[in-house]
C-alpha cells in the first residue's frame, strides 16, 4: 500500500554513461547516493529502486558486477518535483547517469509497492 495514495508515481530510467571511468565514479559516490536513498525511502518519496546490471553480472562476484544504470519509482506531486529529486542525486551531479538519455514518466502500477518503513 502506498504511503500517500493521492500522489502520482513516476518511473525513472537513468542509464549510466558508457565511458571507461563511469564505474569508478559510481563506486566513489555510492555511499552518499545510498544515504540519500535511505532518507527518501523513509520519507515515502522513493518507493523502489536499484541498479541495472549486465546479464553476466547475475552470477559475478561483487567486484565484477557491471552496472548499466538505475531504475527508480518515486511518488511526487508532479514530474517537475521528481526531476528536481533526480537532478539533486549525486549520481546525476557526478556524471554517472547519462543526462541526455534519462527518462522520467508517470506510471500506472498494476501491483502494490512495498510499504513505507516506519
C-alpha atoms as a PDB file:
ATOM      1  CA  UNK A   1       0.000   0.000   0.000  1.00  0.00           C
ATOM      2  CA  UNK A   2       1.265   3.454  -0.860  1.00  0.00           C
ATOM      3  CA  UNK A   3       2.052   5.975   1.862  1.00  0.00           C
ATOM      4  CA  UNK A   4       0.135   8.713   0.034  1.00  0.00           C
ATOM      5  CA  UNK A   5      -2.334   7.178  -2.429  1.00  0.00           C
ATOM      6  CA  UNK A   6      -3.144  10.579  -3.945  1.00  0.00           C
ATOM      7  CA  UNK A   7       0.402  11.223  -5.164  1.00  0.00           C
ATOM      8  CA  UNK A   8       1.244  10.082  -8.680  1.00  0.00           C
ATOM      9  CA  UNK A   9       4.030   7.584  -9.244  1.00  0.00           C
ATOM     10  CA  UNK A  10       6.905   8.146 -11.679  1.00  0.00           C
ATOM     11  CA  UNK A  11       9.415   5.691 -13.040  1.00  0.00           C
ATOM     12  CA  UNK A  12      12.930   6.894 -13.735  1.00  0.00           C
ATOM     13  CA  UNK A  13      15.258   5.109 -16.133  1.00  0.00           C
ATOM     14  CA  UNK A  14      18.717   6.567 -15.580  1.00  0.00           C
ATOM     15  CA  UNK A  15      21.264   4.809 -17.789  1.00  0.00           C
ATOM     16  CA  UNK A  16      24.898   5.269 -16.906  1.00  0.00           C
ATOM     17  CA  UNK A  17      27.319   6.965 -19.268  1.00  0.00           C
ATOM     18  CA  UNK A  18      29.262   4.405 -21.310  1.00  0.00           C
ATOM     19  CA  UNK A  19      32.814   5.711 -20.760  1.00  0.00           C
ATOM     20  CA  UNK A  20      35.517   3.678 -19.031  1.00  0.00           C
ATOM     21  CA  UNK A  21      35.522   5.801 -15.871  1.00  0.00           C
ATOM     22  CA  UNK A  22      31.823   5.566 -15.066  1.00  0.00           C
ATOM     23  CA  UNK A  23      32.102   2.558 -12.747  1.00  0.00           C
ATOM     24  CA  UNK A  24      34.808   4.291 -10.710  1.00  0.00           C
ATOM     25  CA  UNK A  25      32.648   7.428 -10.455  1.00  0.00           C
ATOM     26  CA  UNK A  26      29.644   5.332  -9.412  1.00  0.00           C
ATOM     27  CA  UNK A  27      31.563   3.477  -6.708  1.00  0.00           C
ATOM     28  CA  UNK A  28      33.241   6.646  -5.404  1.00  0.00           C
ATOM     29  CA  UNK A  29      29.917   8.341  -4.624  1.00  0.00           C
ATOM     30  CA  UNK A  30      27.809   5.255  -3.909  1.00  0.00           C
ATOM     31  CA  UNK A  31      27.834   5.713  -0.091  1.00  0.00           C
ATOM     32  CA  UNK A  32      26.456   9.261  -0.458  1.00  0.00           C
ATOM     33  CA  UNK A  33      23.905   8.060  -3.023  1.00  0.00           C
ATOM     34  CA  UNK A  34      22.697   5.281  -0.712  1.00  0.00           C
ATOM     35  CA  UNK A  35      22.469   7.655   2.256  1.00  0.00           C
ATOM     36  CA  UNK A  36      20.174   9.916   0.228  1.00  0.00           C
ATOM     37  CA  UNK A  37      18.165   6.888  -0.948  1.00  0.00           C
ATOM     38  CA  UNK A  38      17.685   5.806   2.672  1.00  0.00           C
ATOM     39  CA  UNK A  39      16.376   9.279   3.576  1.00  0.00           C
ATOM     40  CA  UNK A  40      13.961   9.417   0.638  1.00  0.00           C
ATOM     41  CA  UNK A  41      12.696   5.885   1.340  1.00  0.00           C
ATOM     42  CA  UNK A  42      11.987   6.769   4.984  1.00  0.00           C
ATOM     43  CA  UNK A  43      10.007   9.808   3.768  1.00  0.00           C
ATOM     44  CA  UNK A  44       7.945   7.653   1.391  1.00  0.00           C
ATOM     45  CA  UNK A  45       9.214   9.554  -1.658  1.00  0.00           C
ATOM     46  CA  UNK A  46      11.479   6.918  -3.210  1.00  0.00           C
ATOM     47  CA  UNK A  47       9.423   3.744  -3.282  1.00  0.00           C
ATOM     48  CA  UNK A  48      11.568   1.261  -5.183  1.00  0.00           C
ATOM     49  CA  UNK A  49      14.913   1.373  -6.879  1.00  0.00           C
ATOM     50  CA  UNK A  50      18.033  -0.420  -7.911  1.00  0.00           C
ATOM     51  CA  UNK A  51      20.865  -0.723 -10.375  1.00  0.00           C
ATOM     52  CA  UNK A  52      20.535  -2.433 -13.720  1.00  0.00           C
ATOM     53  CA  UNK A  53      23.386  -4.808 -14.473  1.00  0.00           C
ATOM     54  CA  UNK A  54      24.617  -6.824 -17.414  1.00  0.00           C
ATOM     55  CA  UNK A  55      23.249 -10.388 -17.627  1.00  0.00           C
ATOM     56  CA  UNK A  56      26.730 -11.720 -16.829  1.00  0.00           C
ATOM     57  CA  UNK A  57      26.667  -9.844 -13.525  1.00  0.00           C
ATOM     58  CA  UNK A  58      23.975 -12.067 -12.009  1.00  0.00           C
ATOM     59  CA  UNK A  59      26.494 -14.746 -11.012  1.00  0.00           C
ATOM     60  CA  UNK A  60      29.563 -12.492 -10.807  1.00  0.00           C
ATOM     61  CA  UNK A  61      31.429 -11.655  -7.638  1.00  0.00           C
ATOM     62  CA  UNK A  62      30.527  -8.247  -6.200  1.00  0.00           C
ATOM     63  CA  UNK A  63      33.722  -6.669  -7.557  1.00  0.00           C
ATOM     64  CA  UNK A  64      32.942  -7.942 -11.071  1.00  0.00           C
ATOM     65  CA  UNK A  65      29.344  -6.717 -11.383  1.00  0.00           C
ATOM     66  CA  UNK A  66      28.854  -4.277 -14.250  1.00  0.00           C
ATOM     67  CA  UNK A  67      26.157  -1.644 -13.885  1.00  0.00           C
ATOM     68  CA  UNK A  68      24.255  -0.172 -16.818  1.00  0.00           C
ATOM     69  CA  UNK A  69      22.140   2.336 -14.921  1.00  0.00           C
ATOM     70  CA  UNK A  70      19.410   2.747 -12.328  1.00  0.00           C
ATOM     71  CA  UNK A  71      15.652   2.328 -12.243  1.00  0.00           C
ATOM     72  CA  UNK A  72      13.641   4.133  -9.563  1.00  0.00           C
ATOM     73  CA  UNK A  73       9.981   4.626  -8.691  1.00  0.00           C
ATOM     74  CA  UNK A  74       9.201   7.918  -6.965  1.00  0.00           C
ATOM     75  CA  UNK A  75       5.989   9.377  -5.564  1.00  0.00           C
ATOM     76  CA  UNK A  76       5.692  13.089  -6.197  1.00  0.00           C
ATOM     77  CA  UNK A  77       3.298  15.927  -6.816  1.00  0.00           C
ATOM     78  CA  UNK A  78       4.329  16.170 -10.459  1.00  0.00           C
ATOM     79  CA  UNK A  79       7.073  15.320 -12.918  1.00  0.00           C
ATOM     80  CA  UNK A  80       8.972  18.551 -12.161  1.00  0.00           C
ATOM     81  CA  UNK A  81       9.268  17.627  -8.480  1.00  0.00           C
ATOM     82  CA  UNK A  82      10.643  14.214  -9.435  1.00  0.00           C
ATOM     83  CA  UNK A  83      13.043  15.716 -11.986  1.00  0.00           C
ATOM     84  CA  UNK A  84      14.403  18.000  -9.244  1.00  0.00           C
ATOM     85  CA  UNK A  85      14.986  14.988  -6.964  1.00  0.00           C
ATOM     86  CA  UNK A  86      16.831  13.196  -9.761  1.00  0.00           C
ATOM     87  CA  UNK A  87      18.960  16.253 -10.551  1.00  0.00           C
ATOM     88  CA  UNK A  88      19.899  16.574  -6.853  1.00  0.00           C
ATOM     89  CA  UNK A  89      21.172  12.970  -6.747  1.00  0.00           C
ATOM     90  CA  UNK A  90      24.939  12.579  -6.549  1.00  0.00           C
ATOM     91  CA  UNK A  91      24.868  10.112  -9.463  1.00  0.00           C
ATOM     92  CA  UNK A  92      23.382  12.871 -11.634  1.00  0.00           C
ATOM     93  CA  UNK A  93      25.731  15.565 -10.347  1.00  0.00           C
ATOM     94  CA  UNK A  94      28.903  13.474 -10.817  1.00  0.00           C
ATOM     95  CA  UNK A  95      28.105  12.256 -14.330  1.00  0.00           C
ATOM     96  CA  UNK A  96      27.280   8.660 -13.503  1.00  0.00           C
ATOM     97  CA  UNK A  97      23.810   8.939 -15.057  1.00  0.00           C
ATOM     98  CA  UNK A  98      23.659   9.949 -18.712  1.00  0.00           C
ATOM     99  CA  UNK A  99      21.679  13.196 -18.613  1.00  0.00           C
ATOM    100  CA  UNK A 100      20.768  13.003 -22.315  1.00  0.00           C
ATOM    101  CA  UNK A 101      19.270   9.510 -22.030  1.00  0.00           C
ATOM    102  CA  UNK A 102      17.491   9.906 -18.682  1.00  0.00           C
ATOM    103  CA  UNK A 103      13.738   9.204 -18.847  1.00  0.00           C
ATOM    104  CA  UNK A 104      11.056  10.161 -16.303  1.00  0.00           C
ATOM    105  CA  UNK A 105       7.497   9.040 -16.976  1.00  0.00           C
ATOM    106  CA  UNK A 106       4.293   8.636 -14.977  1.00  0.00           C
ATOM    107  CA  UNK A 107       3.456   5.002 -14.290  1.00  0.00           C
ATOM    108  CA  UNK A 108       0.152   3.272 -13.570  1.00  0.00           C
ATOM    109  CA  UNK A 109       1.185   0.399 -11.330  1.00  0.00           C
ATOM    110  CA  UNK A 110      -0.621  -2.923 -11.640  1.00  0.00           C
ATOM    111  CA  UNK A 111       0.828  -4.205  -8.364  1.00  0.00           C
ATOM    112  CA  UNK A 112       1.301  -2.747  -4.904  1.00  0.00           C
ATOM    113  CA  UNK A 113       4.521  -1.086  -3.840  1.00  0.00           C
ATOM    114  CA  UNK A 114       6.282  -2.234  -0.681  1.00  0.00           C
ATOM    115  CA  UNK A 115       5.112  -0.416   2.453  1.00  0.00           C
ATOM    116  CA  UNK A 116       6.965   2.696   3.568  1.00  0.00           C
ATOM    117  CA  UNK A 117       9.236   1.779   6.512  1.00  0.00           C
ATOM    118  CA  UNK A 118       8.044   3.165   9.825  1.00  0.00           C
END
